[in-house]
Amino acid sequence: MATKVQNMLPIETLEQAAECLRTVAHPHRLRMIELLLLDEYTVGELADACEIQSHMASEHLRLMRDRGLLESERRGRRTYYRVAEAGLIGIMACIRKRFG
């Protein structure tokens, strides 16, 4: 049993993982991630896809960007978002497998 315990992740790492999972644990954020894994989108496009107002979409995107899950790039008057954390692919695959 000692060998099994030694191979476990440190609690600090699990705390970071839990924070990441809390960040994505929202239906609109999951939908945004689902879309952003396919391409990059503007706030307005993501708001439309989620059927929410742009200011709400902006807040969801800001939170995910601040956590390092997304990155943004300003082009003229528009800001485009894309996935920055490759681990989101696995999270969405797990969700699809379990709930899809």
N, C-alpha and C. Protein backbone atom coordinates (compact mmCIF):
# COMPACT_ATOMS: atom_id res chain seq x y z
N MET A 1 0.82 -1.19 0.00
CA MET A 1 0.00 0.00 0.00
C MET A 1 0.86 1.26 0.00
N ALA A 2 2.00 1.24 0.65
CA ALA A 2 2.87 2.41 0.71
C ALA A 2 3.26 2.88 -0.69
N THR A 3 3.52 1.94 -1.60
CA THR A 3 3.88 2.30 -2.97
C THR A 3 2.73 3.02 -3.66
N LYS A 4 1.52 2.54 -3.45
CA LYS A 4 0.35 3.19 -4.05
C LYS A 4 0.19 4.61 -3.55
N VAL A 5 0.37 4.83 -2.27
CA VAL A 5 0.22 6.16 -1.69
C VAL A 5 1.32 7.09 -2.21
N GLN A 6 2.51 6.58 -2.39
CA GLN A 6 3.62 7.40 -2.89
C GLN A 6 3.36 7.90 -4.30
N ASN A 7 2.59 7.17 -5.08
CA ASN A 7 2.31 7.55 -6.46
C ASN A 7 1.13 8.51 -6.58
N MET A 8 0.50 8.84 -5.48
CA MET A 8 -0.65 9.74 -5.52
C MET A 8 -0.17 11.18 -5.69
N LEU A 9 -1.04 11.99 -6.26
CA LEU A 9 -0.73 13.40 -6.44
C LEU A 9 -0.72 14.12 -5.10
N PRO A 10 0.14 15.11 -4.95
CA PRO A 10 0.13 15.89 -3.70
C PRO A 10 -1.19 16.64 -3.56
N ILE A 11 -1.60 16.87 -2.33
CA ILE A 11 -2.87 17.54 -2.07
C ILE A 11 -2.89 18.94 -2.70
N GLU A 12 -1.76 19.62 -2.76
CA GLU A 12 -1.69 20.95 -3.38
C GLU A 12 -2.06 20.87 -4.86
N THR A 13 -1.61 19.82 -5.52
CA THR A 13 -1.93 19.62 -6.93
C THR A 13 -3.42 19.34 -7.09
N LEU A 14 -3.98 18.55 -6.19
CA LEU A 14 -5.41 18.25 -6.24
C LEU A 14 -6.25 19.49 -5.95
N GLU A 15 -5.74 20.38 -5.11
CA GLU A 15 -6.44 21.64 -4.85
C GLU A 15 -6.49 22.49 -6.13
N GLN A 16 -5.39 22.52 -6.87
CA GLN A 16 -5.35 23.25 -8.15
C GLN A 16 -6.31 22.62 -9.15
N ALA A 17 -6.35 21.30 -9.18
CA ALA A 17 -7.26 20.60 -10.09
C ALA A 17 -8.71 20.91 -9.74
N ALA A 18 -9.02 20.91 -8.45
CA ALA A 18 -10.38 21.21 -8.02
C ALA A 18 -10.78 22.63 -8.41
N GLU A 19 -9.87 23.57 -8.28
CA GLU A 19 -10.15 24.95 -8.68
C GLU A 19 -10.43 25.04 -10.17
N CYS A 20 -9.66 24.34 -10.96
CA CYS A 20 -9.87 24.30 -12.41
C CYS A 20 -11.24 23.70 -12.73
N LEU A 21 -11.56 22.60 -12.08
CA LEU A 21 -12.85 21.95 -12.33
C LEU A 21 -14.02 22.83 -11.89
N ARG A 22 -13.86 23.57 -10.78
CA ARG A 22 -14.91 24.50 -10.36
C ARG A 22 -15.11 25.59 -11.41
N THR A 23 -14.02 26.02 -12.02
CA THR A 23 -14.11 27.07 -13.04
C THR A 23 -14.90 26.61 -14.25
N VAL A 24 -14.69 25.41 -14.71
CA VAL A 24 -15.39 24.94 -15.92
C VAL A 24 -16.76 24.35 -15.61
N ALA A 25 -17.08 24.16 -14.34
CA ALA A 25 -18.32 23.50 -13.94
C ALA A 25 -19.53 24.43 -14.05
N HIS A 26 -19.81 24.85 -15.26
CA HIS A 26 -20.98 25.70 -15.55
C HIS A 26 -21.41 25.37 -16.97
N PRO A 27 -22.70 25.20 -17.22
CA PRO A 27 -23.14 24.79 -18.56
C PRO A 27 -22.72 25.75 -19.68
N HIS A 28 -22.77 27.06 -19.42
CA HIS A 28 -22.37 28.01 -20.48
C HIS A 28 -20.86 27.94 -20.73
N ARG A 29 -20.11 27.77 -19.67
CA ARG A 29 -18.65 27.67 -19.86
C ARG A 29 -18.29 26.38 -20.60
N LEU A 30 -18.98 25.31 -20.26
CA LEU A 30 -18.73 24.05 -20.98
C LEU A 30 -19.08 24.18 -22.45
N ARG A 31 -20.18 24.85 -22.76
CA ARG A 31 -20.55 25.07 -24.16
C ARG A 31 -19.50 25.90 -24.88
N MET A 32 -19.01 26.95 -24.20
CA MET A 32 -17.96 27.79 -24.80
C MET A 32 -16.71 26.98 -25.06
N ILE A 33 -16.32 26.16 -24.11
CA ILE A 33 -15.14 25.31 -24.30
C ILE A 33 -15.35 24.36 -25.46
N GLU A 34 -16.53 23.77 -25.51
CA GLU A 34 -16.87 22.85 -26.60
C GLU A 34 -16.67 23.54 -27.95
N LEU A 35 -17.15 24.76 -28.08
CA LEU A 35 -17.00 25.52 -29.33
C LEU A 35 -15.54 25.92 -29.57
N LEU A 36 -14.89 26.39 -28.52
CA LEU A 36 -13.51 26.86 -28.67
C LEU A 36 -12.52 25.75 -28.96
N LEU A 37 -12.89 24.52 -28.67
CA LEU A 37 -12.03 23.40 -29.06
C LEU A 37 -12.08 23.18 -30.57
N LEU A 38 -13.10 23.74 -31.22
CA LEU A 38 -13.25 23.60 -32.67
C LEU A 38 -12.62 24.76 -33.43
N ASP A 39 -12.70 25.97 -32.85
CA ASP A 39 -12.23 27.17 -33.55
C ASP A 39 -12.15 28.31 -32.55
N GLU A 40 -11.75 29.48 -33.02
CA GLU A 40 -11.76 30.66 -32.16
C GLU A 40 -13.01 31.48 -32.46
N TYR A 41 -13.50 32.17 -31.44
CA TYR A 41 -14.75 32.91 -31.56
C TYR A 41 -14.67 34.23 -30.80
N THR A 42 -15.55 35.15 -31.17
CA THR A 42 -15.67 36.42 -30.46
C THR A 42 -16.68 36.25 -29.32
N VAL A 43 -16.71 37.23 -28.44
CA VAL A 43 -17.66 37.24 -27.34
C VAL A 43 -19.08 37.14 -27.88
N GLY A 44 -19.39 37.95 -28.88
CA GLY A 44 -20.74 37.97 -29.44
C GLY A 44 -21.15 36.63 -30.02
N GLU A 45 -20.24 35.98 -30.72
CA GLU A 45 -20.54 34.67 -31.29
C GLU A 45 -20.80 33.63 -30.20
N LEU A 46 -19.99 33.68 -29.15
CA LEU A 46 -20.17 32.73 -28.04
C LEU A 46 -21.45 33.03 -27.26
N ALA A 47 -21.75 34.31 -27.09
CA ALA A 47 -22.99 34.70 -26.41
C ALA A 47 -24.20 34.17 -27.19
N ASP A 48 -24.18 34.34 -28.50
CA ASP A 48 -25.27 33.84 -29.34
C ASP A 48 -25.41 32.33 -29.22
N ALA A 49 -24.30 31.62 -29.27
CA ALA A 49 -24.32 30.16 -29.21
C ALA A 49 -24.85 29.67 -27.87
N CYS A 50 -24.61 30.43 -26.81
CA CYS A 50 -25.06 30.05 -25.47
C CYS A 50 -26.41 30.68 -25.11
N GLU A 51 -26.92 31.51 -26.00
CA GLU A 51 -28.19 32.21 -25.78
C GLU A 51 -28.17 33.02 -24.49
N ILE A 52 -27.07 33.77 -24.31
CA ILE A 52 -26.94 34.67 -23.17
C ILE A 52 -26.50 36.04 -23.67
N GLN A 53 -26.58 37.03 -22.81
CA GLN A 53 -26.16 38.37 -23.18
C GLN A 53 -24.64 38.45 -23.25
N SER A 54 -24.14 39.37 -24.08
CA SER A 54 -22.70 39.50 -24.28
C SER A 54 -21.94 39.78 -22.99
N HIS A 55 -22.50 40.61 -22.11
CA HIS A 55 -21.78 40.91 -20.87
C HIS A 55 -21.63 39.67 -19.99
N MET A 56 -22.60 38.78 -20.04
CA MET A 56 -22.49 37.53 -19.27
C MET A 56 -21.43 36.62 -19.89
N ALA A 57 -21.42 36.55 -21.22
CA ALA A 57 -20.40 35.75 -21.91
C ALA A 57 -19.01 36.30 -21.60
N SER A 58 -18.88 37.62 -21.61
CA SER A 58 -17.59 38.25 -21.31
C SER A 58 -17.10 37.86 -19.93
N GLU A 59 -18.00 37.81 -18.96
CA GLU A 59 -17.60 37.45 -17.60
C GLU A 59 -17.14 35.99 -17.52
N HIS A 60 -17.86 35.10 -18.17
CA HIS A 60 -17.45 33.69 -18.21
C HIS A 60 -16.07 33.56 -18.87
N LEU A 61 -15.88 34.25 -19.98
CA LEU A 61 -14.61 34.18 -20.71
C LEU A 61 -13.47 34.77 -19.89
N ARG A 62 -13.73 35.89 -19.21
CA ARG A 62 -12.71 36.51 -18.38
C ARG A 62 -12.25 35.56 -17.29
N LEU A 63 -13.20 34.91 -16.64
CA LEU A 63 -12.86 33.97 -15.57
C LEU A 63 -11.98 32.83 -16.10
N MET A 64 -12.37 32.26 -17.22
CA MET A 64 -11.59 31.15 -17.78
C MET A 64 -10.23 31.62 -18.27
N ARG A 65 -10.16 32.83 -18.82
CA ARG A 65 -8.87 33.37 -19.26
C ARG A 65 -7.97 33.64 -18.06
N ASP A 66 -8.54 34.22 -17.00
CA ASP A 66 -7.75 34.51 -15.79
C ASP A 66 -7.19 33.24 -15.15
N ARG A 67 -7.87 32.12 -15.33
CA ARG A 67 -7.41 30.84 -14.78
C ARG A 67 -6.43 30.14 -15.73
N GLY A 68 -6.16 30.76 -16.90
CA GLY A 68 -5.21 30.18 -17.84
C GLY A 68 -5.79 29.13 -18.76
N LEU A 69 -7.11 29.00 -18.77
CA LEU A 69 -7.74 28.00 -19.62
C LEU A 69 -7.92 28.50 -21.05
N LEU A 70 -8.10 29.80 -21.20
CA LEU A 70 -8.30 30.41 -22.51
C LEU A 70 -7.29 31.52 -22.70
N GLU A 71 -7.11 31.89 -23.96
CA GLU A 71 -6.32 33.09 -24.27
C GLU A 71 -7.12 33.91 -25.27
N SER A 72 -6.82 35.18 -25.32
CA SER A 72 -7.55 36.07 -26.21
C SER A 72 -6.58 36.88 -27.04
N GLU A 73 -7.08 37.34 -28.20
CA GLU A 73 -6.26 38.14 -29.10
C GLU A 73 -7.16 39.23 -29.70
N ARG A 74 -6.73 40.44 -29.54
CA ARG A 74 -7.47 41.58 -30.08
C ARG A 74 -7.09 41.77 -31.54
N ARG A 75 -8.11 41.87 -32.40
CA ARG A 75 -7.92 42.14 -33.82
C ARG A 75 -8.89 43.25 -34.21
N GLY A 76 -8.35 44.43 -34.36
CA GLY A 76 -9.22 45.56 -34.64
C GLY A 76 -10.12 45.82 -33.45
N ARG A 77 -11.40 45.86 -33.69
CA ARG A 77 -12.37 46.12 -32.63
C ARG A 77 -12.87 44.86 -31.96
N ARG A 78 -12.45 43.70 -32.43
CA ARG A 78 -12.94 42.43 -31.88
C ARG A 78 -11.85 41.69 -31.13
N THR A 79 -12.29 40.93 -30.13
CA THR A 79 -11.39 40.07 -29.38
C THR A 79 -11.80 38.63 -29.65
N TYR A 80 -10.83 37.83 -30.05
CA TYR A 80 -11.08 36.42 -30.34
C TYR A 80 -10.50 35.57 -29.21
N TYR A 81 -11.26 34.55 -28.85
CA TYR A 81 -10.85 33.63 -27.79
C TYR A 81 -10.54 32.26 -28.36
N ARG A 82 -9.59 31.58 -27.71
CA ARG A 82 -9.24 30.21 -28.09
C ARG A 82 -8.75 29.49 -26.84
N VAL A 83 -8.73 28.17 -26.93
CA VAL A 83 -8.31 27.34 -25.80
C VAL A 83 -6.80 27.46 -25.62
N ALA A 84 -6.38 27.66 -24.38
CA ALA A 84 -4.96 27.73 -24.04
C ALA A 84 -4.50 26.48 -23.29
N GLU A 85 -5.43 25.77 -22.68
CA GLU A 85 -5.11 24.58 -21.88
C GLU A 85 -5.55 23.33 -22.61
N ALA A 86 -4.58 22.57 -23.09
CA ALA A 86 -4.87 21.35 -23.86
C ALA A 86 -5.63 20.32 -23.04
N GLY A 87 -5.51 20.37 -21.72
CA GLY A 87 -6.22 19.43 -20.86
C GLY A 87 -7.74 19.52 -20.97
N LEU A 88 -8.24 20.63 -21.52
CA LEU A 88 -9.68 20.77 -21.71
C LEU A 88 -10.22 19.74 -22.70
N ILE A 89 -9.37 19.28 -23.60
CA ILE A 89 -9.78 18.24 -24.55
C ILE A 89 -10.19 16.98 -23.79
N GLY A 90 -9.37 16.59 -22.83
CA GLY A 90 -9.65 15.40 -22.04
C GLY A 90 -10.87 15.56 -21.14
N ILE A 91 -11.04 16.75 -20.57
CA ILE A 91 -12.21 17.00 -19.73
C ILE A 91 -13.47 16.88 -20.56
N MET A 92 -13.48 17.48 -21.74
CA MET A 92 -14.67 17.41 -22.60
C MET A 92 -14.89 15.98 -23.10
N ALA A 93 -13.82 15.25 -23.37
CA ALA A 93 -13.97 13.85 -23.80
C ALA A 93 -14.61 13.02 -22.69
N CYS A 94 -14.20 13.28 -21.45
CA CYS A 94 -14.78 12.57 -20.30
C CYS A 94 -16.26 12.91 -20.18
N ILE A 95 -16.62 14.16 -20.33
CA ILE A 95 -18.02 14.59 -20.25
C ILE A 95 -18.84 13.93 -21.36
N ARG A 96 -18.30 13.94 -22.58
CA ARG A 96 -19.02 13.31 -23.71
C ARG A 96 -19.22 11.81 -23.48
N LYS A 97 -18.18 11.16 -22.97
CA LYS A 97 -18.26 9.72 -22.74
C LYS A 97 -19.31 9.40 -21.67
N ARG A 98 -19.33 10.19 -20.61
CA ARG A 98 -20.23 9.93 -19.49
C ARG A 98 -21.66 10.40 -19.75
N PHE A 99 -21.81 11.56 -20.39
CA PHE A 99 -23.13 12.17 -20.54
C PHE A 99 -23.63 12.26 -21.97
N GLY A 100 -22.77 12.03 -22.94
CA GLY A 100 -23.12 12.25 -24.35
C GLY A 100 -23.92 11.13 -24.97
